[in-house]
Amino acid sequence: MSEDTTPLISKTAFSCPHCGAYTTQSWFQLFADSYSEEHRTPTIPTSEMIDRFKSAKDTPQESKENLLEWGRKMSAGKPFFEKNKDTLYSKPVVHNCNISKCYNCKEITIWIYDQIVYPNTKINIKPNKDLPEHIRRLFEEAREIVSYSPKGSAALLRLCVQYLCIELGEKGKNIDDDIASLVAKGLNPLVQQALDVVRVVGNESVHPGEIDINDNKEIAIKLFGLVNLISEQMITHPNEVKALYSDLPKKKLEGIEKRNAKAKGEN
């Protein structure tokens, strides 16, 4: 069995949320330091402030370079480390807030309790490549929010199923009616079961796109798999068969057409 590389607060090595490398992670605790009376709120450097740093004539070159580097990092909007000459002794520890730093890319990840809050991480379930673009966008949005809003993620995934039914020629208003119609058209039993799971899991009375208070991360993860399964069976596999069929020699295709026409005539 391959090693689980999922980022967890109990590990010293995992797949970095930034670069994806499976490598050593160094952990850091945080200390709280209040702002002074002169600067009571956080400072966010503007482009004008950085321009003033550049043009300052009375600032030593080394200090100017340090200020410009600080401004560049701040403007990037990403957390970073900065050496502080002041001692941290007697400053309060910020509990339930920790930082891990990747050995490979040197980027830092911020954790609150046991969850990553930076960077915004997506669950490792990618959408089927043949999903229509508007459905793929919903799928990707569901991936982005599943960790902190599984109910919202599940609602988006049910909406994906609704739009898939529309792509398959159904109304997309009532999944039970859509399943019945698709079954009448010869729906693959495997896909029928997958659609029924989507219909029943959580709260059967909830309409696609609506929030279900019973949804949780486990249900959302199941829905990711079901959306991909349905699209693979109903879109990807037929496309692959059509591509293989169209690659047959012209004479073979003509022979198949004659055979089919003859069979229809006999019937």
Protein backbone atom coordinates (compact mmCIF):
# COMPACT_ATOMS: atom_id res chain seq x y z
CA MET A 1 0.00 0.00 0.00
CA SER A 2 1.38 3.43 -0.98
CA GLU A 3 2.06 5.96 1.77
CA ASP A 4 -0.65 8.50 2.49
CA THR A 5 0.79 11.93 1.60
CA THR A 6 -2.24 13.97 2.70
CA PRO A 7 -1.29 17.14 4.66
CA LEU A 8 -2.06 16.60 8.35
CA ILE A 9 -1.03 18.55 11.43
CA SER A 10 0.35 15.35 12.97
CA LYS A 11 2.95 14.82 10.21
CA THR A 12 6.44 16.13 9.55
CA ALA A 13 6.29 15.17 5.86
CA PHE A 14 3.40 15.41 3.40
CA SER A 15 2.53 16.68 -0.08
CA CYS A 16 2.99 20.45 -0.05
CA PRO A 17 -0.24 22.37 -0.79
CA HIS A 18 1.87 24.82 -2.84
CA CYS A 19 4.28 22.77 -4.99
CA GLY A 20 2.82 19.28 -4.53
CA ALA A 21 6.16 17.73 -3.57
CA TYR A 22 6.15 15.04 -0.90
CA THR A 23 8.83 16.36 1.42
CA THR A 24 9.77 17.42 4.95
CA GLN A 25 7.71 20.15 6.60
CA SER A 26 9.09 22.30 9.43
CA TRP A 27 6.58 23.45 12.03
CA PHE A 28 6.45 26.84 13.74
CA GLN A 29 4.37 28.22 16.59
CA LEU A 30 3.17 31.83 16.56
CA PHE A 31 3.60 34.61 19.11
CA ALA A 32 1.38 37.66 19.51
CA ASP A 33 2.90 41.13 19.48
CA SER A 34 0.58 44.16 19.78
CA TYR A 35 0.97 47.15 17.51
CA SER A 36 2.41 50.32 19.05
CA GLU A 37 0.38 53.42 19.80
CA GLU A 38 2.03 55.14 16.81
CA HIS A 39 0.86 52.39 14.42
CA ARG A 40 -2.25 50.82 15.91
CA THR A 41 -3.43 49.02 12.75
CA PRO A 42 -1.68 46.70 10.26
CA THR A 43 0.31 48.37 7.48
CA ILE A 44 -0.41 47.41 3.87
CA PRO A 45 2.09 49.15 1.56
CA THR A 46 0.67 50.97 -1.46
CA SER A 47 2.45 51.47 -4.79
CA GLU A 48 2.95 55.14 -3.84
CA MET A 49 4.63 54.09 -0.57
CA ILE A 50 6.98 51.75 -2.46
CA ASP A 51 7.81 54.52 -4.94
CA ARG A 52 8.75 56.74 -1.99
CA PHE A 53 11.08 54.00 -0.73
CA LYS A 54 12.79 53.95 -4.13
CA SER A 55 13.24 57.69 -4.41
CA ALA A 56 14.27 58.31 -0.77
CA LYS A 57 17.70 59.96 -0.90
CA ASP A 58 18.41 60.05 2.82
CA THR A 59 17.91 56.28 3.33
CA PRO A 60 21.03 54.04 3.36
CA GLN A 61 21.14 51.67 0.37
CA GLU A 62 20.96 48.51 2.50
CA SER A 63 17.91 49.80 4.40
CA LYS A 64 16.30 50.86 1.13
CA GLU A 65 16.81 47.39 -0.35
CA ASN A 66 15.31 45.81 2.77
CA LEU A 67 12.29 48.14 2.62
CA LEU A 68 11.75 47.41 -1.09
CA GLU A 69 12.01 43.67 -0.48
CA TRP A 70 9.51 43.93 2.36
CA GLY A 71 7.15 45.97 0.15
CA ARG A 72 7.44 43.43 -2.66
CA LYS A 73 6.59 40.53 -0.36
CA MET A 74 3.72 42.40 1.28
CA SER A 75 2.25 43.39 -2.09
CA ALA A 76 2.26 39.75 -3.18
CA GLY A 77 -0.38 39.12 -0.52
CA LYS A 78 1.28 35.93 0.72
CA PRO A 79 2.44 35.13 4.28
CA PHE A 80 6.22 35.16 4.78
CA PHE A 81 8.85 35.08 7.50
CA GLU A 82 10.79 38.16 8.55
CA LYS A 83 13.62 38.10 11.06
CA ASN A 84 12.94 40.07 14.19
CA LYS A 85 15.84 41.17 16.37
CA ASP A 86 13.55 41.69 19.35
CA THR A 87 13.26 38.81 21.78
CA LEU A 88 9.99 36.89 21.78
CA TYR A 89 10.25 35.90 25.43
CA SER A 90 7.22 36.90 27.50
CA LYS A 91 5.10 37.39 24.36
CA PRO A 92 1.95 35.25 24.38
CA VAL A 93 1.78 32.12 22.24
CA VAL A 94 -1.06 32.02 19.71
CA HIS A 95 -2.55 28.58 20.30
CA ASN A 96 -4.48 26.63 17.64
CA CYS A 97 -2.64 28.59 14.96
CA ASN A 98 0.48 27.04 13.43
CA ILE A 99 2.67 27.34 10.35
CA SER A 100 4.37 24.63 8.32
CA LYS A 101 7.18 25.44 5.89
CA CYS A 102 7.98 23.29 2.87
CA TYR A 103 11.59 22.11 2.52
CA ASN A 104 11.26 22.07 -1.29
CA CYS A 105 9.59 25.37 -2.26
CA LYS A 106 10.06 27.25 1.05
CA GLU A 107 6.42 28.41 0.96
CA ILE A 108 4.47 28.44 4.22
CA THR A 109 1.07 26.96 5.01
CA ILE A 110 -1.16 28.39 7.75
CA TRP A 111 -3.25 26.10 9.93
CA ILE A 112 -6.12 26.93 12.28
CA TYR A 113 -6.74 24.01 14.64
CA ASP A 114 -6.19 21.08 12.25
CA GLN A 115 -7.37 22.74 9.01
CA ILE A 116 -5.40 24.56 6.31
CA VAL A 117 -6.63 28.13 5.86
CA TYR A 118 -3.84 29.20 3.49
CA PRO A 119 -3.38 28.38 0.68
CA ASN A 120 -6.90 27.60 -0.48
CA THR A 121 -6.68 23.87 -1.17
CA LYS A 122 -8.81 21.77 -3.49
CA ILE A 123 -9.78 18.19 -2.77
CA ASN A 124 -7.80 15.78 -4.95
CA ILE A 125 -10.72 14.66 -7.14
CA LYS A 126 -10.47 16.17 -10.63
CA PRO A 127 -13.46 16.59 -12.94
CA ASN A 128 -13.97 14.25 -15.87
CA LYS A 129 -12.28 15.83 -18.90
CA ASP A 130 -15.48 15.56 -20.97
CA LEU A 131 -17.70 17.50 -18.58
CA PRO A 132 -19.25 20.52 -20.36
CA GLU A 133 -17.48 23.74 -19.36
CA HIS A 134 -20.36 25.19 -17.31
CA ILE A 135 -20.59 21.96 -15.30
CA ARG A 136 -16.81 21.77 -14.90
CA ARG A 137 -16.80 25.27 -13.36
CA LEU A 138 -19.36 24.20 -10.76
CA PHE A 139 -17.34 21.05 -10.04
CA GLU A 140 -14.15 23.12 -9.53
CA GLU A 141 -15.96 25.54 -7.23
CA ALA A 142 -17.24 22.58 -5.20
CA ARG A 143 -13.63 21.33 -4.91
CA GLU A 144 -12.50 24.69 -3.56
CA ILE A 145 -15.08 24.96 -0.78
CA VAL A 146 -15.61 21.35 0.32
CA SER A 147 -13.21 21.60 3.29
CA TYR A 148 -14.93 24.58 4.93
CA SER A 149 -18.43 24.34 3.41
CA PRO A 150 -19.31 20.70 2.62
CA LYS A 151 -23.03 21.58 2.48
CA GLY A 152 -22.38 24.24 -0.15
CA SER A 153 -20.12 21.86 -2.05
CA ALA A 154 -22.77 19.12 -2.07
CA ALA A 155 -25.40 21.60 -3.31
CA LEU A 156 -23.15 22.56 -6.23
CA LEU A 157 -22.56 18.91 -7.09
CA ARG A 158 -26.30 18.17 -7.13
CA LEU A 159 -26.60 21.12 -9.49
CA CYS A 160 -23.94 19.44 -11.67
CA VAL A 161 -26.15 16.34 -11.85
CA GLN A 162 -29.16 18.48 -12.76
CA TYR A 163 -27.25 20.06 -15.65
CA LEU A 164 -25.95 16.64 -16.73
CA CYS A 165 -29.54 15.44 -17.04
CA ILE A 166 -30.29 18.47 -19.22
CA GLU A 167 -27.25 17.64 -21.37
CA LEU A 168 -28.74 14.15 -21.80
CA GLY A 169 -31.99 15.62 -23.12
CA GLU A 170 -34.03 15.74 -19.92
CA LYS A 171 -35.82 18.67 -18.26
CA GLY A 172 -33.52 18.83 -15.22
CA LYS A 173 -36.30 19.90 -12.87
CA ASN A 174 -37.00 16.64 -11.04
CA ILE A 175 -34.26 14.03 -10.89
CA ASP A 176 -36.77 11.20 -10.30
CA ASP A 177 -38.64 12.10 -13.50
CA ASP A 178 -35.34 12.43 -15.38
CA ILE A 179 -34.23 8.97 -14.23
CA ALA A 180 -37.54 7.43 -15.31
CA SER A 181 -37.23 9.05 -18.74
CA LEU A 182 -33.61 7.96 -19.16
CA VAL A 183 -34.48 4.39 -18.12
CA ALA A 184 -37.17 4.34 -20.83
CA LYS A 185 -34.47 5.35 -23.33
CA GLY A 186 -32.29 2.42 -22.31
CA LEU A 187 -30.16 4.01 -19.56
CA ASN A 188 -27.19 1.94 -18.41
CA PRO A 189 -28.26 0.27 -15.10
CA LEU A 190 -24.98 1.40 -13.52
CA VAL A 191 -25.78 5.05 -14.28
CA GLN A 192 -29.35 4.60 -13.09
CA GLN A 193 -28.06 3.38 -9.74
CA ALA A 194 -25.61 6.29 -9.53
CA LEU A 195 -28.39 8.79 -10.21
CA ASP A 196 -30.58 7.12 -7.59
CA VAL A 197 -27.76 7.42 -5.06
CA VAL A 198 -27.56 11.17 -5.79
CA ARG A 199 -31.35 11.40 -5.41
CA VAL A 200 -31.53 9.52 -2.11
CA VAL A 201 -28.26 10.38 -0.32
CA GLY A 202 -28.73 13.02 2.37
CA ASN A 203 -32.30 14.27 2.07
CA GLU A 204 -34.39 12.87 -0.77
CA SER A 205 -36.70 15.90 -0.80
CA VAL A 206 -33.95 18.45 -1.43
CA HIS A 207 -33.92 19.90 -4.95
CA PRO A 208 -30.69 20.23 -6.95
CA GLY A 209 -28.69 23.29 -5.92
CA GLU A 210 -30.42 23.61 -2.53
CA ILE A 211 -28.58 23.37 0.78
CA ASP A 212 -29.26 20.18 2.73
CA ILE A 213 -28.56 20.48 6.47
CA ASN A 214 -27.79 16.74 6.54
CA ASP A 215 -24.93 17.01 4.05
CA ASN A 216 -21.39 16.58 5.30
CA LYS A 217 -17.92 16.15 3.79
CA GLU A 218 -18.36 12.38 3.39
CA ILE A 219 -21.53 12.88 1.33
CA ALA A 220 -19.88 15.61 -0.76
CA ILE A 221 -16.94 13.33 -1.59
CA LYS A 222 -19.38 10.61 -2.72
CA LEU A 223 -21.11 13.15 -4.97
CA PHE A 224 -17.81 14.11 -6.64
CA GLY A 225 -17.33 10.47 -7.62
CA LEU A 226 -20.92 10.10 -8.80
CA VAL A 227 -20.75 13.16 -11.07
CA ASN A 228 -17.61 11.76 -12.69
CA LEU A 229 -19.09 8.26 -12.99
CA ILE A 230 -22.27 9.55 -14.66
CA SER A 231 -20.35 11.75 -17.10
CA GLU A 232 -17.91 8.94 -17.95
CA GLN A 233 -20.72 6.50 -18.73
CA MET A 234 -22.97 8.95 -20.57
CA ILE A 235 -20.46 11.22 -22.33
CA THR A 236 -16.89 9.85 -22.33
CA HIS A 237 -17.58 6.22 -23.26
CA PRO A 238 -20.00 7.04 -26.14
CA ASN A 239 -17.49 9.59 -27.48
CA GLU A 240 -14.70 7.02 -27.37
CA VAL A 241 -16.84 4.44 -29.23
CA LYS A 242 -17.82 7.04 -31.87
CA ALA A 243 -14.17 7.96 -32.38
CA LEU A 244 -13.15 4.32 -32.83
CA TYR A 245 -16.08 3.68 -35.18
CA SER A 246 -15.33 6.72 -37.35
CA ASP A 247 -11.72 5.55 -37.77
CA LEU A 248 -12.83 2.35 -39.54
CA PRO A 249 -12.01 2.13 -43.26
CA LYS A 250 -14.65 3.66 -45.53
CA LYS A 251 -15.49 0.34 -47.19
CA LYS A 252 -16.01 -1.28 -43.80
CA LEU A 253 -18.36 1.51 -42.75
CA GLU A 254 -20.33 1.14 -46.01
CA GLY A 255 -20.60 -2.61 -45.38
CA ILE A 256 -21.93 -2.03 -41.88
CA GLU A 257 -24.50 0.46 -43.19
CA LYS A 258 -25.70 -2.03 -45.82
CA ARG A 259 -25.96 -4.78 -43.20
CA ASN A 260 -28.00 -2.50 -40.90
CA ALA A 261 -30.28 -1.40 -43.74
CA LYS A 262 -30.87 -5.01 -44.71
CA ALA A 263 -31.66 -5.97 -41.10
CA LYS A 264 -34.18 -3.13 -40.85
CA GLY A 265 -35.80 -4.22 -44.10
CA GLU A 266 -36.17 -7.77 -42.89
CA ASN A 267 -37.81 -6.54 -39.70
